[in-house]
């Protein structure tokens, strides 16, 4: 598939050819102005759609960066809350162990047994598997 620049360059070259050879083209029963108008419309359409696509790419990139930053920040909050609850509940209590298991299970899902920024941030907003899965795919983009 041709690139947008290749296609618009070819359109420009064909339009110039039509302009340079307008007498010959007219003698063959074609109207050069109609041909160049069609080419101009095609080029404008292509460039508009390309601009829309490039804007969407930038928007997606920025949104991905924002999600990754939010995951990291919320992950730190999540980990701090786990620590706070463990201390408040008494580190050796059953309840504290249940809270610690939530963090451990989350880390295990993402293959980082001790990394608090990676694993905690991956599911800080929710411990459901769908949230974790979407977080995982967002951060790998």
Protein backbone atom coordinates (compact mmCIF):
# COMPACT_ATOMS: atom_id res chain seq x y z
CA UNK A 1 0.00 0.00 0.00
CA UNK A 2 1.26 3.46 -0.85
CA UNK A 3 1.91 6.05 1.80
CA UNK A 4 -0.12 9.23 1.93
CA UNK A 5 2.91 11.20 0.79
CA UNK A 6 3.46 8.84 -2.14
CA UNK A 7 -0.18 9.11 -3.20
CA UNK A 8 -0.41 12.90 -2.86
CA UNK A 9 2.90 13.26 -4.71
CA UNK A 10 1.53 11.15 -7.56
CA UNK A 11 -1.68 13.19 -7.59
CA UNK A 12 0.37 16.39 -7.85
CA UNK A 13 2.48 14.91 -10.66
CA UNK A 14 -0.61 13.84 -12.61
CA UNK A 15 -2.26 17.23 -12.11
CA UNK A 16 0.91 18.93 -13.40
CA UNK A 17 0.97 16.58 -16.38
CA UNK A 18 -2.65 17.44 -17.17
CA UNK A 19 -1.85 21.15 -16.92
CA UNK A 20 1.27 20.84 -19.09
CA UNK A 21 -0.56 18.81 -21.73
CA UNK A 22 -3.99 20.44 -21.53
CA UNK A 23 -4.19 21.17 -25.28
CA UNK A 24 -3.49 17.55 -26.19
CA UNK A 25 -5.90 16.26 -23.53
CA UNK A 26 -8.61 18.65 -24.75
CA UNK A 27 -8.07 17.51 -28.34
CA UNK A 28 -8.81 13.96 -27.17
CA UNK A 29 -12.23 15.05 -25.88
CA UNK A 30 -11.39 15.39 -22.19
CA UNK A 31 -11.72 18.48 -20.05
CA UNK A 32 -8.48 19.14 -18.12
CA UNK A 33 -10.23 21.33 -15.53
CA UNK A 34 -12.64 18.51 -14.66
CA UNK A 35 -9.76 16.06 -14.31
CA UNK A 36 -7.70 18.35 -12.08
CA UNK A 37 -10.77 19.21 -9.98
CA UNK A 38 -11.31 15.50 -9.38
CA UNK A 39 -7.65 15.05 -8.47
CA UNK A 40 -7.73 18.03 -6.11
CA UNK A 41 -10.82 16.65 -4.36
CA UNK A 42 -9.17 13.24 -4.01
CA UNK A 43 -6.00 14.79 -2.56
CA UNK A 44 -7.98 16.95 -0.12
CA UNK A 45 -10.01 13.93 1.02
CA UNK A 46 -6.88 11.84 1.52
CA UNK A 47 -5.07 14.57 3.44
CA UNK A 48 -8.09 15.27 5.65
CA UNK A 49 -8.46 11.60 6.54
CA UNK A 50 -4.72 11.28 7.16
CA UNK A 51 -4.81 14.29 9.46
CA UNK A 52 -7.72 12.78 11.38
CA UNK A 53 -5.82 9.51 11.73
CA UNK A 54 -2.63 11.22 12.91
CA UNK A 55 -4.63 13.22 15.45
CA UNK A 56 -6.23 10.01 16.73
CA UNK A 57 -2.79 8.40 17.08
CA UNK A 58 -1.58 11.34 19.15
CA UNK A 59 -4.73 11.28 21.27
CA UNK A 60 -4.31 7.54 21.88
CA UNK A 61 -0.64 7.93 22.77
CA UNK A 62 -1.44 10.70 25.23
CA UNK A 63 -4.32 8.71 26.74
CA UNK A 64 -2.06 5.67 27.14
CA UNK A 65 0.56 7.78 28.92
CA UNK A 66 -2.15 9.22 31.18
CA UNK A 67 -3.45 5.74 32.04
CA UNK A 68 0.07 4.50 32.79
CA UNK A 69 0.72 7.50 35.04
CA UNK A 70 -2.61 6.98 36.82
CA UNK A 71 -1.86 3.27 37.26
CA UNK A 72 1.48 4.09 38.85
CA UNK A 73 0.00 6.74 41.15
CA UNK A 74 -3.02 4.66 42.13
CA UNK A 75 -0.75 1.65 42.59
CA UNK A 76 1.31 3.51 45.15
CA UNK A 77 -1.88 4.56 46.95
CA UNK A 78 -3.15 0.97 46.84
CA UNK A 79 0.10 -0.37 48.28
CA UNK A 80 0.16 2.28 50.99
CA UNK A 81 -3.42 1.44 51.92
CA UNK A 82 -2.51 -2.25 52.21
CA UNK A 83 0.40 -1.30 54.49
CA UNK A 84 -1.83 0.95 56.58
CA UNK A 85 -4.45 -1.78 57.00
CA UNK A 86 -1.85 -4.42 57.87
CA UNK A 87 -0.41 -2.23 60.61
CA UNK A 88 -3.85 -1.26 61.91
CA UNK A 89 -5.11 -4.86 61.91
CA UNK A 90 -1.95 -6.27 63.45
CA UNK A 91 0.56 -7.81 61.06
CA UNK A 92 -0.05 -11.39 62.24
CA UNK A 93 -3.85 -11.27 62.38
CA UNK A 94 -5.97 -13.28 59.94
CA UNK A 95 -7.47 -10.04 58.60
CA UNK A 96 -4.03 -8.54 57.92
CA UNK A 97 -3.04 -11.74 56.11
CA UNK A 98 -6.19 -11.50 53.97
CA UNK A 99 -5.30 -7.93 53.01
CA UNK A 100 -1.72 -8.95 52.21
CA UNK A 101 -3.04 -11.80 50.06
CA UNK A 102 -4.92 -9.29 47.90
CA UNK A 103 -1.63 -7.59 47.05
CA UNK A 104 0.17 -10.93 46.64
CA UNK A 105 -2.53 -12.23 44.27
CA UNK A 106 -2.39 -9.04 42.22
CA UNK A 107 1.40 -9.25 41.92
CA UNK A 108 1.21 -12.92 40.92
CA UNK A 109 -1.14 -12.04 38.03
CA UNK A 110 1.51 -9.78 36.54
CA UNK A 111 4.61 -11.85 37.19
CA UNK A 112 6.34 -9.44 39.52
CA UNK A 113 6.58 -11.01 42.96
CA UNK A 114 8.02 -8.00 44.75
CA UNK A 115 7.72 -4.93 42.53
CA UNK A 116 5.26 -2.56 44.16
CA UNK A 117 5.18 0.00 41.35
CA UNK A 118 4.53 -2.53 38.58
CA UNK A 119 2.21 -4.98 40.24
CA UNK A 120 0.37 -2.71 42.61
CA UNK A 121 -0.22 -0.15 39.92
CA UNK A 122 -1.67 -2.75 37.58
CA UNK A 123 -4.86 -3.20 39.53
CA UNK A 124 -5.05 -0.41 42.03
CA UNK A 125 -8.51 0.72 41.01
CA UNK A 126 -10.00 -2.75 41.19
CA UNK A 127 -8.89 -6.26 41.91
CA UNK A 128 -11.22 -7.80 39.34
CA UNK A 129 -9.63 -9.79 36.56
CA UNK A 130 -11.16 -7.66 33.80
CA UNK A 131 -9.66 -4.50 35.27
CA UNK A 132 -6.31 -6.17 35.67
CA UNK A 133 -6.39 -7.53 32.13
CA UNK A 134 -7.16 -4.17 30.60
CA UNK A 135 -4.48 -2.57 32.74
CA UNK A 136 -1.97 -5.12 31.56
CA UNK A 137 -2.73 -4.49 27.91
CA UNK A 138 -2.66 -0.72 28.37
CA UNK A 139 0.78 -0.74 29.89
CA UNK A 140 2.22 -3.04 27.24
CA UNK A 141 1.18 -0.76 24.36
